[in-house]
Structure formats: structure tokens, C-alpha cells
Amino acid sequence: MSTVTLYSRPGCHLCEEAKVVLERVQATVFFNLHEINIEADDALHLRYLERIPVIALDGEELFDYFVDEEALTRRILYREGG
């Protein structure tokens, strides 16, 4: 099963919007959703501060700022062989 990682931080409205989209995709395509607060790690904070939210699929960064729902669904289905 694929893992989608959402790099975010508290109070980020774009992060909240991205999470809503990810949960909507998750309702139709199965994947593990892992949210990481970049403020809990100095290296992640430096790396992602200006780009959040960042969405990665199995470690591959796919989207910054916004989630392309259709593209994410296609990528997950492709990885799952469907």
C-alpha cells in the first residue's frame, strides 16, 4: 500500500486544505496518510518552510502548495497496478 506524506505546520490554511483533498482521495483510493509537522524538526523546517504544504508519494515529492487530486489518484493507481 502506498504512503502519502503531508508536510505541514499548525495554522497553515493551505495545509488544512491539502489535508481535506487528501482525505477525499483516500475515500476512493487506498493509501496510508502520514502528516508531519515541519516545526518539530529543524531540518524539515528549513527545507519546507517556504513550500508547504508539500505532498510526497512513497518518498517522491509530487506537489507544493496544492494537491492535484486527479494526478495523485492516477499515480497511486499506477503504483498499485490498477
PDB file of N, CA and C in Angstrom:
ATOM      1  N   MET A   1       0.840  -1.173   0.000  1.00  0.00           N
ATOM      2  CA  MET A   1       0.000   0.000   0.000  1.00  0.00           C
ATOM      3  C   MET A   1       0.890   1.243   0.000  1.00  0.00           C
ATOM      4  N   SER A   2       0.525   2.200  -0.786  1.00  0.00           N
ATOM      5  CA  SER A   2       1.282   3.440  -0.898  1.00  0.00           C
ATOM      6  C   SER A   2       1.115   4.296   0.352  1.00  0.00           C
ATOM      7  N   THR A   3       2.099   5.168   0.554  1.00  0.00           N
ATOM      8  CA  THR A   3       2.047   6.123   1.652  1.00  0.00           C
ATOM      9  C   THR A   3       2.145   7.527   1.087  1.00  0.00           C
ATOM     10  N   VAL A   4       1.190   8.353   1.456  1.00  0.00           N
ATOM     11  CA  VAL A   4       1.214   9.767   1.093  1.00  0.00           C
ATOM     12  C   VAL A   4       1.610  10.534   2.349  1.00  0.00           C
ATOM     13  N   THR A   5       2.633  11.370   2.208  1.00  0.00           N
ATOM     14  CA  THR A   5       3.108  12.177   3.324  1.00  0.00           C
ATOM     15  C   THR A   5       2.761  13.631   3.066  1.00  0.00           C
ATOM     16  N   LEU A   6       2.160  14.248   4.068  1.00  0.00           N
ATOM     17  CA  LEU A   6       1.817  15.664   4.016  1.00  0.00           C
ATOM     18  C   LEU A   6       2.734  16.390   4.983  1.00  0.00           C
ATOM     19  N   TYR A   7       3.632  17.198   4.448  1.00  0.00           N
ATOM     20  CA  TYR A   7       4.497  18.039   5.271  1.00  0.00           C
ATOM     21  C   TYR A   7       3.744  19.342   5.503  1.00  0.00           C
ATOM     22  N   SER A   8       3.504  19.645   6.772  1.00  0.00           N
ATOM     23  CA  SER A   8       2.669  20.797   7.102  1.00  0.00           C
ATOM     24  C   SER A   8       3.137  21.424   8.403  1.00  0.00           C
ATOM     25  N   ARG A   9       2.384  22.418   8.846  1.00  0.00           N
ATOM     26  CA  ARG A   9       2.631  23.007  10.164  1.00  0.00           C
ATOM     27  C   ARG A   9       1.308  23.574  10.673  1.00  0.00           C
ATOM     28  N   PRO A  10       1.171  23.705  11.979  1.00  0.00           N
ATOM     29  CA  PRO A  10      -0.072  24.223  12.548  1.00  0.00           C
ATOM     30  C   PRO A  10      -0.359  25.642  12.065  1.00  0.00           C
ATOM     31  N   GLY A  11      -1.637  25.921  11.828  1.00  0.00           N
ATOM     32  CA  GLY A  11      -2.053  27.259  11.430  1.00  0.00           C
ATOM     33  C   GLY A  11      -1.899  27.559   9.959  1.00  0.00           C
ATOM     34  N   CYS A  12      -1.501  26.589   9.183  1.00  0.00           N
ATOM     35  CA  CYS A  12      -1.306  26.771   7.735  1.00  0.00           C
ATOM     36  C   CYS A  12      -2.606  26.429   7.013  1.00  0.00           C
ATOM     37  N   HIS A  13      -3.277  27.450   6.468  1.00  0.00           N
ATOM     38  CA  HIS A  13      -4.564  27.194   5.812  1.00  0.00           C
ATOM     39  C   HIS A  13      -4.413  26.356   4.547  1.00  0.00           C
ATOM     40  N   LEU A  14      -3.329  26.524   3.819  1.00  0.00           N
ATOM     41  CA  LEU A  14      -3.114  25.688   2.629  1.00  0.00           C
ATOM     42  C   LEU A  14      -2.907  24.230   3.028  1.00  0.00           C
ATOM     43  N   CYS A  15      -2.264  24.013   4.168  1.00  0.00           N
ATOM     44  CA  CYS A  15      -2.051  22.649   4.669  1.00  0.00           C
ATOM     45  C   CYS A  15      -3.384  22.007   5.024  1.00  0.00           C
ATOM     46  N   GLU A  16      -4.242  22.778   5.665  1.00  0.00           N
ATOM     47  CA  GLU A  16      -5.566  22.273   6.025  1.00  0.00           C
ATOM     48  C   GLU A  16      -6.366  21.918   4.776  1.00  0.00           C
ATOM     49  N   GLU A  17      -6.291  22.762   3.765  1.00  0.00           N
ATOM     50  CA  GLU A  17      -6.989  22.490   2.504  1.00  0.00           C
ATOM     51  C   GLU A  17      -6.427  21.239   1.833  1.00  0.00           C
ATOM     52  N   ALA A  18      -5.116  21.095   1.847  1.00  0.00           N
ATOM     53  CA  ALA A  18      -4.485  19.915   1.247  1.00  0.00           C
ATOM     54  C   ALA A  18      -4.930  18.647   1.960  1.00  0.00           C
ATOM     55  N   LYS A  19      -5.028  18.702   3.275  1.00  0.00           N
ATOM     56  CA  LYS A  19      -5.448  17.523   4.036  1.00  0.00           C
ATOM     57  C   LYS A  19      -6.875  17.124   3.674  1.00  0.00           C
ATOM     58  N   VAL A  20      -7.752  18.093   3.478  1.00  0.00           N
ATOM     59  CA  VAL A  20      -9.125  17.800   3.065  1.00  0.00           C
ATOM     60  C   VAL A  20      -9.128  17.080   1.713  1.00  0.00           C
ATOM     61  N   VAL A  21      -8.327  17.562   0.783  1.00  0.00           N
ATOM     62  CA  VAL A  21      -8.236  16.928  -0.539  1.00  0.00           C
ATOM     63  C   VAL A  21      -7.685  15.512  -0.404  1.00  0.00           C
ATOM     64  N   LEU A  22      -6.635  15.344   0.397  1.00  0.00           N
ATOM     65  CA  LEU A  22      -6.047  14.013   0.582  1.00  0.00           C
ATOM     66  C   LEU A  22      -7.045  13.047   1.199  1.00  0.00           C
ATOM     67  N   GLU A  23      -7.816  13.502   2.147  1.00  0.00           N
ATOM     68  CA  GLU A  23      -8.831  12.640   2.755  1.00  0.00           C
ATOM     69  C   GLU A  23      -9.922  12.289   1.757  1.00  0.00           C
ATOM     70  N   ARG A  24     -10.238  13.216   0.853  1.00  0.00           N
ATOM     71  CA  ARG A  24     -11.231  12.934  -0.183  1.00  0.00           C
ATOM     72  C   ARG A  24     -10.697  11.873  -1.152  1.00  0.00           C
ATOM     73  N   VAL A  25      -9.437  12.000  -1.533  1.00  0.00           N
ATOM     74  CA  VAL A  25      -8.819  10.995  -2.408  1.00  0.00           C
ATOM     75  C   VAL A  25      -8.761   9.648  -1.683  1.00  0.00           C
ATOM     76  N   GLN A  26      -8.428   9.680  -0.414  1.00  0.00           N
ATOM     77  CA  GLN A  26      -8.297   8.457   0.381  1.00  0.00           C
ATOM     78  C   GLN A  26      -9.629   7.706   0.486  1.00  0.00           C
ATOM     79  N   ALA A  27     -10.733   8.401   0.330  1.00  0.00           N
ATOM     80  CA  ALA A  27     -12.045   7.759   0.374  1.00  0.00           C
ATOM     81  C   ALA A  27     -12.303   6.897  -0.853  1.00  0.00           C
ATOM     82  N   THR A  28     -11.529   7.127  -1.935  1.00  0.00           N
ATOM     83  CA  THR A  28     -11.739   6.364  -3.169  1.00  0.00           C
ATOM     84  C   THR A  28     -10.556   5.489  -3.549  1.00  0.00           C
ATOM     85  N   VAL A  29      -9.373   5.851  -3.085  1.00  0.00           N
ATOM     86  CA  VAL A  29      -8.147   5.108  -3.397  1.00  0.00           C
ATOM     87  C   VAL A  29      -7.431   4.845  -2.075  1.00  0.00           C
ATOM     88  N   PHE A  30      -7.040   3.610  -1.851  1.00  0.00           N
ATOM     89  CA  PHE A  30      -6.439   3.254  -0.572  1.00  0.00           C
ATOM     90  C   PHE A  30      -4.963   3.642  -0.503  1.00  0.00           C
ATOM     91  N   PHE A  31      -4.608   4.344   0.567  1.00  0.00           N
ATOM     92  CA  PHE A  31      -3.210   4.666   0.866  1.00  0.00           C
ATOM     93  C   PHE A  31      -3.117   5.067   2.334  1.00  0.00           C
ATOM     94  N   ASN A  32      -1.920   4.970   2.866  1.00  0.00           N
ATOM     95  CA  ASN A  32      -1.657   5.447   4.219  1.00  0.00           C
ATOM     96  C   ASN A  32      -1.353   6.928   4.145  1.00  0.00           C
ATOM     97  N   LEU A  33      -1.957   7.708   5.025  1.00  0.00           N
ATOM     98  CA  LEU A  33      -1.706   9.141   5.080  1.00  0.00           C
ATOM     99  C   LEU A  33      -0.891   9.431   6.326  1.00  0.00           C
ATOM    100  N   HIS A  34       0.252  10.063   6.121  1.00  0.00           N
ATOM    101  CA  HIS A  34       1.162  10.389   7.209  1.00  0.00           C
ATOM    102  C   HIS A  34       1.402  11.892   7.172  1.00  0.00           C
ATOM    103  N   GLU A  35       1.020  12.575   8.249  1.00  0.00           N
ATOM    104  CA  GLU A  35       1.216  14.023   8.323  1.00  0.00           C
ATOM    105  C   GLU A  35       2.403  14.322   9.231  1.00  0.00           C
ATOM    106  N   ILE A  36       3.304  15.161   8.744  1.00  0.00           N
ATOM    107  CA  ILE A  36       4.494  15.529   9.507  1.00  0.00           C
ATOM    108  C   ILE A  36       4.500  17.031   9.735  1.00  0.00           C
ATOM    109  N   ASN A  37       4.602  17.416  11.000  1.00  0.00           N
ATOM    110  CA  ASN A  37       4.702  18.819  11.387  1.00  0.00           C
ATOM    111  C   ASN A  37       6.158  19.245  11.214  1.00  0.00           C
ATOM    112  N   ILE A  38       6.425  20.101  10.260  1.00  0.00           N
ATOM    113  CA  ILE A  38       7.803  20.506   9.986  1.00  0.00           C
ATOM    114  C   ILE A  38       8.411  21.300  11.131  1.00  0.00           C
ATOM    115  N   GLU A  39       7.585  21.874  11.989  1.00  0.00           N
ATOM    116  CA  GLU A  39       8.100  22.648  13.112  1.00  0.00           C
ATOM    117  C   GLU A  39       8.723  21.767  14.189  1.00  0.00           C
ATOM    118  N   ALA A  40       8.496  20.464  14.118  1.00  0.00           N
ATOM    119  CA  ALA A  40       9.045  19.538  15.104  1.00  0.00           C
ATOM    120  C   ALA A  40      10.463  19.092  14.758  1.00  0.00           C
ATOM    121  N   ASP A  41      10.960  19.510  13.586  1.00  0.00           N
ATOM    122  CA  ASP A  41      12.282  19.080  13.132  1.00  0.00           C
ATOM    123  C   ASP A  41      12.956  20.263  12.432  1.00  0.00           C
ATOM    124  N   ASP A  42      14.086  20.708  12.960  1.00  0.00           N
ATOM    125  CA  ASP A  42      14.757  21.889  12.406  1.00  0.00           C
ATOM    126  C   ASP A  42      15.117  21.726  10.935  1.00  0.00           C
ATOM    127  N   ALA A  43      15.598  20.545  10.550  1.00  0.00           N
ATOM    128  CA  ALA A  43      15.989  20.319   9.156  1.00  0.00           C
ATOM    129  C   ALA A  43      14.778  20.382   8.224  1.00  0.00           C
ATOM    130  N   LEU A  44      13.673  19.767   8.629  1.00  0.00           N
ATOM    131  CA  LEU A  44      12.463  19.826   7.816  1.00  0.00           C
ATOM    132  C   LEU A  44      11.913  21.254   7.756  1.00  0.00           C
ATOM    133  N   HIS A  45      12.008  21.947   8.858  1.00  0.00           N
ATOM    134  CA  HIS A  45      11.535  23.331   8.904  1.00  0.00           C
ATOM    135  C   HIS A  45      12.299  24.193   7.897  1.00  0.00           C
ATOM    136  N   LEU A  46      13.605  24.055   7.878  1.00  0.00           N
ATOM    137  CA  LEU A  46      14.419  24.805   6.916  1.00  0.00           C
ATOM    138  C   LEU A  46      14.123  24.393   5.481  1.00  0.00           C
ATOM    139  N   ARG A  47      13.938  23.103   5.272  1.00  0.00           N
ATOM    140  CA  ARG A  47      13.726  22.579   3.920  1.00  0.00           C
ATOM    141  C   ARG A  47      12.374  22.976   3.327  1.00  0.00           C
ATOM    142  N   TYR A  48      11.338  22.956   4.161  1.00  0.00           N
ATOM    143  CA  TYR A  48       9.982  23.098   3.636  1.00  0.00           C
ATOM    144  C   TYR A  48       9.267  24.398   3.997  1.00  0.00           C
ATOM    145  N   LEU A  49       9.832  25.234   4.819  1.00  0.00           N
ATOM    146  CA  LEU A  49       9.115  26.398   5.330  1.00  0.00           C
ATOM    147  C   LEU A  49       8.446  27.226   4.239  1.00  0.00           C
ATOM    148  N   GLU A  50       9.141  27.500   3.175  1.00  0.00           N
ATOM    149  CA  GLU A  50       8.591  28.348   2.108  1.00  0.00           C
ATOM    150  C   GLU A  50       7.742  27.587   1.097  1.00  0.00           C
ATOM    151  N   ARG A  51       7.649  26.261   1.241  1.00  0.00           N
ATOM    152  CA  ARG A  51       6.981  25.447   0.215  1.00  0.00           C
ATOM    153  C   ARG A  51       5.725  24.743   0.704  1.00  0.00           C
ATOM    154  N   ILE A  52       5.407  24.794   1.978  1.00  0.00           N
ATOM    155  CA  ILE A  52       4.325  23.951   2.490  1.00  0.00           C
ATOM    156  C   ILE A  52       2.961  24.400   1.997  1.00  0.00           C
ATOM    157  N   PRO A  53       2.055  23.453   1.898  1.00  0.00           N
ATOM    158  CA  PRO A  53       2.268  22.039   2.140  1.00  0.00           C
ATOM    159  C   PRO A  53       3.029  21.381   0.996  1.00  0.00           C
ATOM    160  N   VAL A  54       3.767  20.352   1.341  1.00  0.00           N
ATOM    161  CA  VAL A  54       4.430  19.507   0.358  1.00  0.00           C
ATOM    162  C   VAL A  54       3.827  18.123   0.500  1.00  0.00           C
ATOM    163  N   ILE A  55       3.484  17.518  -0.629  1.00  0.00           N
ATOM    164  CA  ILE A  55       2.875  16.196  -0.628  1.00  0.00           C
ATOM    165  C   ILE A  55       3.797  15.251  -1.370  1.00  0.00           C
ATOM    166  N   ALA A  56       4.122  14.139  -0.701  1.00  0.00           N
ATOM    167  CA  ALA A  56       5.007  13.130  -1.287  1.00  0.00           C
ATOM    168  C   ALA A  56       4.271  11.790  -1.348  1.00  0.00           C
ATOM    169  N   LEU A  57       4.547  11.046  -2.396  1.00  0.00           N
ATOM    170  CA  LEU A  57       4.006   9.693  -2.552  1.00  0.00           C
ATOM    171  C   LEU A  57       5.166   8.725  -2.479  1.00  0.00           C
ATOM    172  N   ASP A  58       5.161   7.891  -1.464  1.00  0.00           N
ATOM    173  CA  ASP A  58       6.236   6.921  -1.250  1.00  0.00           C
ATOM    174  C   ASP A  58       7.613   7.573  -1.337  1.00  0.00           C
ATOM    175  N   GLY A  59       7.730   8.749  -0.727  1.00  0.00           N
ATOM    176  CA  GLY A  59       9.005   9.454  -0.664  1.00  0.00           C
ATOM    177  C   GLY A  59       9.299  10.386  -1.829  1.00  0.00           C
ATOM    178  N   GLU A  60       8.516  10.325  -2.884  1.00  0.00           N
ATOM    179  CA  GLU A  60       8.716  11.192  -4.047  1.00  0.00           C
ATOM    180  C   GLU A  60       7.836  12.433  -3.922  1.00  0.00           C
ATOM    181  N   GLU A  61       8.450  13.596  -3.839  1.00  0.00           N
ATOM    182  CA  GLU A  61       7.685  14.837  -3.720  1.00  0.00           C
ATOM    183  C   GLU A  61       6.946  15.111  -5.024  1.00  0.00           C
ATOM    184  N   LEU A  62       5.632  15.280  -4.906  1.00  0.00           N
ATOM    185  CA  LEU A  62       4.802  15.494  -6.090  1.00  0.00           C
ATOM    186  C   LEU A  62       4.235  16.903  -6.185  1.00  0.00           C
ATOM    187  N   PHE A  63       3.798  17.462  -5.067  1.00  0.00           N
ATOM    188  CA  PHE A  63       3.085  18.740  -5.106  1.00  0.00           C
ATOM    189  C   PHE A  63       3.563  19.676  -4.005  1.00  0.00           C
ATOM    190  N   ASP A  64       3.613  20.958  -4.327  1.00  0.00           N
ATOM    191  CA  ASP A  64       3.838  22.022  -3.360  1.00  0.00           C
ATOM    192  C   ASP A  64       2.598  22.916  -3.392  1.00  0.00           C
ATOM    193  N   TYR A  65       2.185  23.381  -2.238  1.00  0.00           N
ATOM    194  CA  TYR A  65       1.098  24.347  -2.073  1.00  0.00           C
ATOM    195  C   TYR A  65      -0.301  23.762  -2.281  1.00  0.00           C
ATOM    196  N   PHE A  66      -0.525  23.041  -3.361  1.00  0.00           N
ATOM    197  CA  PHE A  66      -1.840  22.499  -3.674  1.00  0.00           C
ATOM    198  C   PHE A  66      -1.705  21.051  -4.137  1.00  0.00           C
ATOM    199  N   VAL A  67      -2.769  20.280  -3.956  1.00  0.00           N
ATOM    200  CA  VAL A  67      -2.800  18.882  -4.379  1.00  0.00           C
ATOM    201  C   VAL A  67      -3.604  18.793  -5.669  1.00  0.00           C
ATOM    202  N   ASP A  68      -3.032  18.176  -6.684  1.00  0.00           N
ATOM    203  CA  ASP A  68      -3.768  17.874  -7.898  1.00  0.00           C
ATOM    204  C   ASP A  68      -4.432  16.520  -7.663  1.00  0.00           C
ATOM    205  N   GLU A  69      -5.710  16.563  -7.341  1.00  0.00           N
ATOM    206  CA  GLU A  69      -6.457  15.375  -6.934  1.00  0.00           C
ATOM    207  C   GLU A  69      -6.424  14.276  -7.994  1.00  0.00           C
ATOM    208  N   GLU A  70      -6.673  14.642  -9.233  1.00  0.00           N
ATOM    209  CA  GLU A  70      -6.698  13.645 -10.313  1.00  0.00           C
ATOM    210  C   GLU A  70      -5.314  13.052 -10.548  1.00  0.00           C
ATOM    211  N   ALA A  71      -4.292  13.877 -10.549  1.00  0.00           N
ATOM    212  CA  ALA A  71      -2.931  13.380 -10.774  1.00  0.00           C
ATOM    213  C   ALA A  71      -2.503  12.457  -9.644  1.00  0.00           C
ATOM    214  N   LEU A  72      -2.834  12.799  -8.413  1.00  0.00           N
ATOM    215  CA  LEU A  72      -2.486  11.944  -7.290  1.00  0.00           C
ATOM    216  C   LEU A  72      -3.193  10.601  -7.387  1.00  0.00           C
ATOM    217  N   THR A  73      -4.458  10.624  -7.705  1.00  0.00           N
ATOM    218  CA  THR A  73      -5.222   9.375  -7.851  1.00  0.00           C
ATOM    219  C   THR A  73      -4.597   8.495  -8.927  1.00  0.00           C
ATOM    220  N   ARG A  74      -4.266   9.082 -10.074  1.00  0.00           N
ATOM    221  CA  ARG A  74      -3.642   8.307 -11.159  1.00  0.00           C
ATOM    222  C   ARG A  74      -2.316   7.703 -10.713  1.00  0.00           C
ATOM    223  N   ARG A  75      -1.491   8.495 -10.016  1.00  0.00           N
ATOM    224  CA  ARG A  75      -0.177   7.999  -9.571  1.00  0.00           C
ATOM    225  C   ARG A  75      -0.324   6.839  -8.593  1.00  0.00           C
ATOM    226  N   ILE A  76      -1.273   6.948  -7.675  1.00  0.00           N
ATOM    227  CA  ILE A  76      -1.468   5.860  -6.700  1.00  0.00           C
ATOM    228  C   ILE A  76      -1.967   4.613  -7.413  1.00  0.00           C
ATOM    229  N   LEU A  77      -2.933   4.764  -8.289  1.00  0.00           N
ATOM    230  CA  LEU A  77      -3.450   3.605  -9.022  1.00  0.00           C
ATOM    231  C   LEU A  77      -2.372   2.954  -9.870  1.00  0.00           C
ATOM    232  N   TYR A  78      -1.524   3.758 -10.487  1.00  0.00           N
ATOM    233  CA  TYR A  78      -0.433   3.227 -11.300  1.00  0.00           C
ATOM    234  C   TYR A  78       0.522   2.407 -10.437  1.00  0.00           C
ATOM    235  N   ARG A  79       0.880   2.935  -9.268  1.00  0.00           N
ATOM    236  CA  ARG A  79       1.786   2.224  -8.365  1.00  0.00           C
ATOM    237  C   ARG A  79       1.180   0.937  -7.859  1.00  0.00           C
ATOM    238  N   GLU A  80      -0.130   0.933  -7.696  1.00  0.00           N
ATOM    239  CA  GLU A  80      -0.802  -0.256  -7.171  1.00  0.00           C
ATOM    240  C   GLU A  80      -1.124  -1.245  -8.291  1.00  0.00           C
ATOM    241  N   GLY A  81      -0.804  -0.882  -9.520  1.00  0.00           N
ATOM    242  CA  GLY A  81      -1.042  -1.792 -10.639  1.00  0.00           C
ATOM    243  C   GLY A  81      -2.461  -1.769 -11.151  1.00  0.00           C
ATOM    244  N   GLY A  82      -3.201  -0.729 -10.801  1.00  0.00           N
ATOM    245  CA  GLY A  82      -4.604  -0.679 -11.209  1.00  0.00           C
ATOM    246  C   GLY A  82      -4.823   0.426 -12.121  1.00  0.00           C
TER     247      GLY A  82
END
